[in-house]
Protein backbone atom coordinates (compact mmCIF):
# COMPACT_ATOMS: atom_id res chain seq x y z
CA MET A 1 -21.54 15.32 6.21
CA SER A 2 -19.13 17.01 3.78
CA LYS A 3 -17.85 15.23 0.68
CA THR A 4 -14.33 15.10 2.12
CA VAL A 5 -15.50 13.48 5.36
CA LYS A 6 -17.49 10.92 3.36
CA ASP A 7 -14.43 10.16 1.23
CA LEU A 8 -12.24 9.73 4.33
CA THR A 9 -14.81 7.46 5.99
CA ALA A 10 -15.27 5.31 2.89
CA GLY A 11 -11.50 5.12 2.50
CA THR A 12 -11.19 3.81 6.05
CA ALA A 13 -13.64 1.02 5.21
CA GLY A 14 -11.53 0.14 2.17
CA GLY A 15 -8.35 0.13 4.23
CA ILE A 16 -9.72 -2.21 6.89
CA ALA A 17 -10.92 -4.62 4.19
CA GLN A 18 -7.47 -4.51 2.58
CA VAL A 19 -5.64 -5.41 5.80
CA LEU A 20 -7.94 -8.25 6.82
CA VAL A 21 -7.70 -9.87 3.39
CA GLY A 22 -4.06 -9.15 2.58
CA GLN A 23 -2.12 -9.49 5.84
CA PRO A 24 -1.26 -13.24 5.62
CA PHE A 25 0.14 -12.76 2.11
CA ASP A 26 2.04 -9.65 3.19
CA ILE A 27 3.99 -11.35 5.96
CA VAL A 28 5.14 -14.06 3.52
CA LYS A 29 6.22 -11.34 1.07
CA VAL A 30 8.18 -9.43 3.73
CA ARG A 31 9.91 -12.57 5.05
CA MET A 32 11.02 -13.51 1.52
CA GLN A 33 12.15 -9.96 0.71
CA THR A 34 14.27 -9.55 3.82
CA SER A 35 15.68 -13.06 4.33
CA ALA A 36 19.07 -14.22 3.10
CA ALA A 37 19.12 -15.91 -0.30
CA GLY A 38 18.30 -19.60 0.05
CA THR A 39 16.39 -19.29 3.32
CA TYR A 40 13.17 -20.35 1.60
CA LYS A 41 12.68 -22.49 -1.51
CA GLY A 42 9.64 -20.46 -2.48
CA MET A 43 6.50 -18.86 -1.10
CA VAL A 44 4.89 -22.21 -0.20
CA ASP A 45 7.99 -23.21 1.73
CA CYS A 46 8.07 -19.83 3.45
CA ALA A 47 4.40 -20.08 4.45
CA GLY A 48 4.95 -23.66 5.59
CA GLN A 49 7.88 -22.73 7.80
CA ILE A 50 5.96 -19.86 9.37
CA LEU A 51 3.02 -22.17 10.09
CA LYS A 52 5.25 -24.94 11.46
CA ASN A 53 7.55 -22.81 13.57
CA GLU A 54 5.26 -20.00 14.70
CA GLY A 55 1.68 -21.22 14.33
CA PRO A 56 -1.29 -19.86 12.34
CA LEU A 57 -1.56 -16.63 14.31
CA ALA A 58 1.88 -15.65 13.00
CA PHE A 59 0.24 -14.78 9.67
CA TYR A 60 -1.45 -11.90 11.47
CA LYS A 61 1.67 -10.83 13.36
CA GLY A 62 1.96 -7.04 13.31
CA THR A 63 -1.68 -6.60 12.26
CA VAL A 64 -2.57 -3.89 14.79
CA PRO A 65 -0.43 -1.13 13.23
CA PRO A 66 -1.72 -1.72 9.69
CA LEU A 67 -5.31 -2.18 10.89
CA LEU A 68 -5.12 1.25 12.49
CA GLY A 69 -2.55 2.78 10.18
CA ILE A 70 -3.58 1.37 6.81
CA GLY A 71 -7.16 2.36 7.59
CA ALA A 72 -5.82 5.88 8.05
CA CYS A 73 -3.57 5.56 4.98
CA VAL A 74 -6.31 4.44 2.61
CA SER A 75 -8.61 7.06 4.12
CA ILE A 76 -6.01 9.71 3.23
CA GLN A 77 -5.48 8.19 -0.23
CA PHE A 78 -9.13 8.37 -1.19
CA GLY A 79 -9.67 11.71 0.55
CA VAL A 80 -6.83 13.34 -1.39
CA LEU A 81 -7.72 11.51 -4.61
CA GLU A 82 -11.37 12.61 -4.63
CA TYR A 83 -10.50 16.17 -3.58
CA THR A 84 -7.94 16.44 -6.40
CA LYS A 85 -10.41 14.97 -8.92
CA ARG A 86 -12.97 17.59 -7.89
CA TYR A 87 -10.33 20.31 -8.27
CA PHE A 88 -9.47 19.15 -11.80
CA ALA A 89 -13.17 18.88 -12.65
CA SER A 90 -13.75 22.48 -11.56
CA GLN A 91 -10.79 23.60 -13.69
CA ASN A 92 -12.12 21.64 -16.67
CA LYS A 93 -15.61 23.11 -16.27
CA ALA A 94 -14.19 26.64 -16.16
CA ARG A 95 -12.32 25.95 -19.42
CA GLY A 96 -15.34 24.31 -21.05
CA VAL A 97 -13.77 20.85 -21.34
CA GLY A 98 -14.44 17.44 -19.80
CA GLY A 99 -18.19 17.43 -20.40
CA PRO A 100 -20.89 19.68 -18.87
CA ASP A 101 -19.58 19.20 -15.32
CA GLY A 102 -15.90 18.79 -16.22
CA THR A 103 -15.68 15.32 -14.65
CA LYS A 104 -14.32 13.56 -17.74
CA LEU A 105 -10.72 13.95 -16.66
CA LEU A 106 -7.65 13.54 -18.82
CA ASP A 107 -5.29 10.61 -18.27
CA SER A 108 -2.71 13.01 -16.89
CA GLN A 109 -5.24 14.39 -14.41
CA PHE A 110 -6.14 10.92 -13.13
CA TYR A 111 -2.44 10.12 -12.80
CA LEU A 112 -1.61 13.36 -10.97
CA ALA A 113 -4.56 12.86 -8.63
CA GLY A 114 -3.11 9.43 -7.82
CA VAL A 115 0.36 10.90 -7.27
CA ALA A 116 -1.11 13.46 -4.86
CA ALA A 117 -2.90 10.64 -3.02
CA GLY A 118 0.34 8.69 -2.74
CA VAL A 119 2.36 11.64 -1.46
CA GLY A 120 -0.27 12.45 1.16
CA ASN A 121 -0.46 8.82 2.16
CA SER A 122 3.33 8.42 2.54
CA VAL A 123 3.44 10.59 5.66
CA VAL A 124 1.47 7.93 7.51
CA SER A 125 2.34 4.78 5.55
CA GLY A 126 6.10 5.20 6.07
CA PRO A 127 6.14 4.84 9.87
CA VAL A 128 3.19 2.43 9.92
CA GLU A 129 4.87 0.00 7.53
CA HIS A 130 8.22 0.42 9.29
CA ILE A 131 6.73 -0.70 12.60
CA ARG A 132 4.79 -3.50 10.93
CA ILE A 133 7.89 -4.85 9.18
CA ARG A 134 9.90 -4.74 12.42
CA LEU A 135 7.22 -6.85 14.11
CA GLN A 136 6.85 -9.23 11.16
CA THR A 137 10.56 -10.02 10.94
CA GLN A 138 11.48 -10.29 14.62
CA PRO A 139 11.94 -13.78 16.15
CA SER A 140 9.05 -15.40 18.01
CA VAL A 141 11.38 -16.43 20.84
CA ASP A 142 12.61 -13.49 22.92
CA PRO A 143 11.32 -10.79 20.53
CA THR A 144 12.78 -7.28 20.63
CA TYR A 145 9.38 -5.61 20.74
CA ALA A 146 6.34 -6.64 22.79
CA GLY A 147 3.98 -5.00 20.30
CA PRO A 148 3.53 -1.94 18.07
CA PHE A 149 3.40 0.62 20.85
CA ASP A 150 6.45 -0.89 22.52
CA ALA A 151 8.26 -0.76 19.16
CA VAL A 152 7.41 2.92 18.69
CA ARG A 153 8.51 3.73 22.23
CA LYS A 154 11.84 1.90 21.98
CA ILE A 155 12.72 3.13 18.49
CA TYR A 156 11.83 6.73 19.32
CA SER A 157 13.73 6.58 22.62
CA ALA A 158 16.89 5.27 20.95
CA HIS A 159 16.80 6.95 17.53
CA GLY A 160 14.32 9.82 17.67
CA ILE A 161 11.80 10.76 14.99
CA ALA A 162 14.28 9.83 12.25
CA GLY A 163 14.20 6.24 13.54
CA ILE A 164 10.41 6.12 13.28
CA PHE A 165 10.55 7.46 9.70
CA LYS A 166 13.37 5.17 8.58
CA GLY A 167 13.08 4.41 4.86
CA GLN A 168 10.87 7.44 4.24
CA VAL A 169 12.63 8.58 1.05
CA VAL A 170 12.05 5.30 -0.78
CA THR A 171 8.53 5.13 0.66
CA LEU A 172 7.75 8.52 -0.88
CA TRP A 173 9.01 7.35 -4.28
CA ARG A 174 7.02 4.13 -4.05
CA GLU A 175 3.78 5.86 -3.12
CA ALA A 176 4.03 8.65 -5.69
CA VAL A 177 4.91 6.38 -8.61
CA GLY A 178 2.69 3.49 -7.55
CA TYR A 179 -0.51 5.30 -6.66
CA GLY A 180 -0.35 7.46 -9.77
CA VAL A 181 -0.57 4.26 -11.83
CA TYR A 182 -2.93 2.53 -9.38
CA PHE A 183 -5.71 5.12 -9.38
CA TRP A 184 -5.26 5.95 -13.06
CA ALA A 185 -5.83 2.28 -13.95
CA TYR A 186 -8.90 1.95 -11.72
CA GLU A 187 -10.50 5.21 -12.84
CA LYS A 188 -9.94 4.43 -16.52
CA LEU A 189 -11.70 1.07 -16.14
CA VAL A 190 -14.59 2.70 -14.26
CA GLN A 191 -14.91 5.56 -16.75
CA ARG A 192 -14.84 3.16 -19.69
CA GLU A 193 -17.78 1.15 -18.33
CA MET A 194 -19.73 4.30 -17.49
CA THR A 195 -19.21 5.63 -21.03
CA GLU A 196 -19.92 2.36 -22.85
CA LYS A 197 -23.07 1.53 -20.87
CA GLY A 198 -24.27 5.08 -20.19
CA ILE A 199 -24.53 4.44 -16.46
CA ARG A 200 -23.65 6.27 -13.26
CA ARG A 201 -20.72 5.25 -11.07
CA ASP A 202 -23.03 3.87 -8.39
CA GLN A 203 -24.59 1.53 -10.98
CA ILE A 204 -21.35 -0.39 -11.51
CA SER A 205 -21.69 -3.86 -10.01
CA ALA A 206 -19.82 -4.93 -6.89
CA LEU A 207 -18.15 -7.69 -8.92
CA ASN A 208 -16.78 -5.21 -11.44
CA ALA A 209 -15.51 -2.96 -8.63
CA VAL A 210 -13.57 -5.98 -7.34
CA LEU A 211 -12.25 -6.86 -10.81
CA TYR A 212 -11.20 -3.29 -11.57
CA GLY A 213 -9.51 -3.07 -8.18
CA ALA A 214 -7.67 -6.32 -8.91
CA GLY A 215 -6.50 -4.96 -12.25
CA ALA A 216 -5.33 -1.72 -10.66
CA GLY A 217 -3.43 -3.74 -8.07
CA TYR A 218 -1.51 -5.62 -10.74
CA ALA A 219 -0.69 -2.33 -12.47
CA LEU A 220 0.60 -0.96 -9.17
CA TRP A 221 2.94 -3.85 -8.43
CA ALA A 222 4.20 -4.04 -12.00
CA PHE A 223 5.72 -0.60 -11.48
CA ILE A 224 6.79 -0.57 -7.86
CA TYR A 225 7.84 -4.06 -6.72
CA PRO A 226 11.62 -3.46 -6.91
CA ILE A 227 11.12 -0.16 -5.04
CA ASP A 228 9.06 -1.99 -2.41
CA MET A 229 11.83 -4.55 -1.94
CA ILE A 230 14.35 -1.78 -1.30
CA LYS A 231 11.93 -0.18 1.17
CA SER A 232 11.66 -3.47 3.07
CA ARG A 233 15.46 -3.79 3.19
CA MET A 234 15.85 -0.22 4.44
CA GLN A 235 13.17 -0.65 7.11
CA THR A 236 14.68 -3.87 8.49
CA ASP A 237 18.24 -2.55 8.43
CA GLY A 238 20.06 -1.51 11.57
CA PHE A 239 19.80 2.09 12.75
CA SER A 240 23.56 2.57 13.06
CA SER A 241 26.79 0.63 12.64
CA SER A 242 26.49 -0.52 16.25
CA THR A 243 23.10 -2.10 15.50
CA GLY A 244 24.17 -3.78 12.25
CA GLN A 245 23.41 -1.09 9.67
CA LYS A 246 24.21 -2.33 6.16
CA TYR A 247 23.02 0.54 3.98
CA LYS A 248 24.01 4.21 4.18
CA SER A 249 21.18 5.40 1.93
CA THR A 250 18.50 4.23 -0.49
CA LEU A 251 20.93 4.40 -3.42
CA ASP A 252 23.57 2.51 -1.43
CA CYS A 253 20.98 -0.17 -0.70
CA VAL A 254 20.21 -0.56 -4.42
CA ARG A 255 23.89 -0.84 -5.28
CA THR A 256 24.69 -3.27 -2.47
CA VAL A 257 21.78 -5.60 -3.22
CA TRP A 258 22.56 -5.53 -6.96
CA ARG A 259 26.22 -6.38 -6.47
CA ALA A 260 25.71 -9.04 -3.79
CA GLU A 261 22.52 -10.78 -4.95
CA GLY A 262 21.86 -9.77 -8.54
CA ILE A 263 18.64 -8.82 -10.27
CA LYS A 264 16.69 -11.77 -8.82
CA ALA A 265 16.76 -10.14 -5.39
CA PHE A 266 14.55 -7.33 -6.70
CA THR A 267 11.72 -9.77 -7.45
CA ARG A 268 12.06 -12.05 -4.43
CA GLY A 269 8.67 -12.42 -2.74
CA LEU A 270 6.78 -11.40 -5.89
CA GLY A 271 4.72 -14.63 -5.90
CA PRO A 272 2.74 -14.00 -2.70
CA THR A 273 2.35 -10.37 -3.73
CA LEU A 274 0.73 -11.30 -7.04
CA ILE A 275 -1.56 -13.78 -5.29
CA ARG A 276 -2.47 -11.26 -2.59
CA SER A 277 -2.97 -8.34 -4.96
CA PRO A 278 -6.35 -9.13 -6.57
CA PHE A 279 -7.93 -10.06 -3.24
CA ALA A 280 -6.56 -7.15 -1.20
CA ASN A 281 -7.04 -4.48 -3.86
CA GLY A 282 -10.39 -5.82 -4.96
CA ALA A 283 -11.51 -5.68 -1.31
CA THR A 284 -10.15 -2.14 -0.99
CA PHE A 285 -12.15 -0.70 -3.87
CA LEU A 286 -15.23 -2.74 -3.01
CA GLY A 287 -15.11 -1.42 0.55
CA PHE A 288 -14.68 2.14 -0.68
CA GLU A 289 -17.38 2.02 -3.35
CA MET A 290 -19.97 0.31 -1.12
CA ALA A 291 -19.27 2.64 1.80
CA SER A 292 -19.47 5.66 -0.52
CA ARG A 293 -22.85 4.54 -1.82
CA LEU A 294 -24.13 3.97 1.71
CA LEU A 295 -22.93 7.38 2.87
CA ASN A 296 -24.52 9.00 -0.17
CA ASN A 297 -27.76 7.02 0.31
CA ASP A 298 -27.33 5.19 -2.99
CA VAL A 299 -27.90 1.73 -1.51
């Protein structure tokens, strides 16, 4: 099995772990981001209303698209990340820098590898998250879409490929900025332990993989949460004036939200995100690292 296939497979394992752990928190975040001001008193009230009005299974509403799609997304993220790291390592080795094998990458190289991972990921994450958000925010009684495939069929039939990729511009910005920081933070923590203890990557404990993933997750959200809120607004907006479209573009969405709701709107739903982050991102990196070791016969 080639290195790239192993990276893609391990990334899929990380993505599945992320969805199963993070989905209940994500639906609370999306409801708070996209609801009118005052709908919920806070994240506990939001979660309570979902539980009361829709039942416990509502916390996993719209799980099928991310379970399939996020698995693919994280697979792409890690596949592109590891490929780009190997490319930079080969360039370093040719220039005689970065140690004997060139794998001691510069901060800028880790960041750019993360940016590349985010850009590659955005092609899939944009439509996957769009469909998920549509399912998460539709009413339980007389819903518009019967499920993810019905949503894709109806949106494509009415609005074409542009409808499926609604909100793609802001998604691209979020992924590029966010994953540059995300993977830089994780790799720096991993490299620091390897250097300080003189150990190989596969000797890092599972607990530390979780902790480093949690730290990387907080770094990610510190940079991208306002962008993510705009993405959620764009992907729940109408497709045209006849279907209740509020925003003409990403920039128009930023301006409209700022004028109507103020700066607080850009952090609405941050609570469940910060609670979800260490669990979901810790699970992501744990899944990837353990799967990578298994595929490379290191466990």
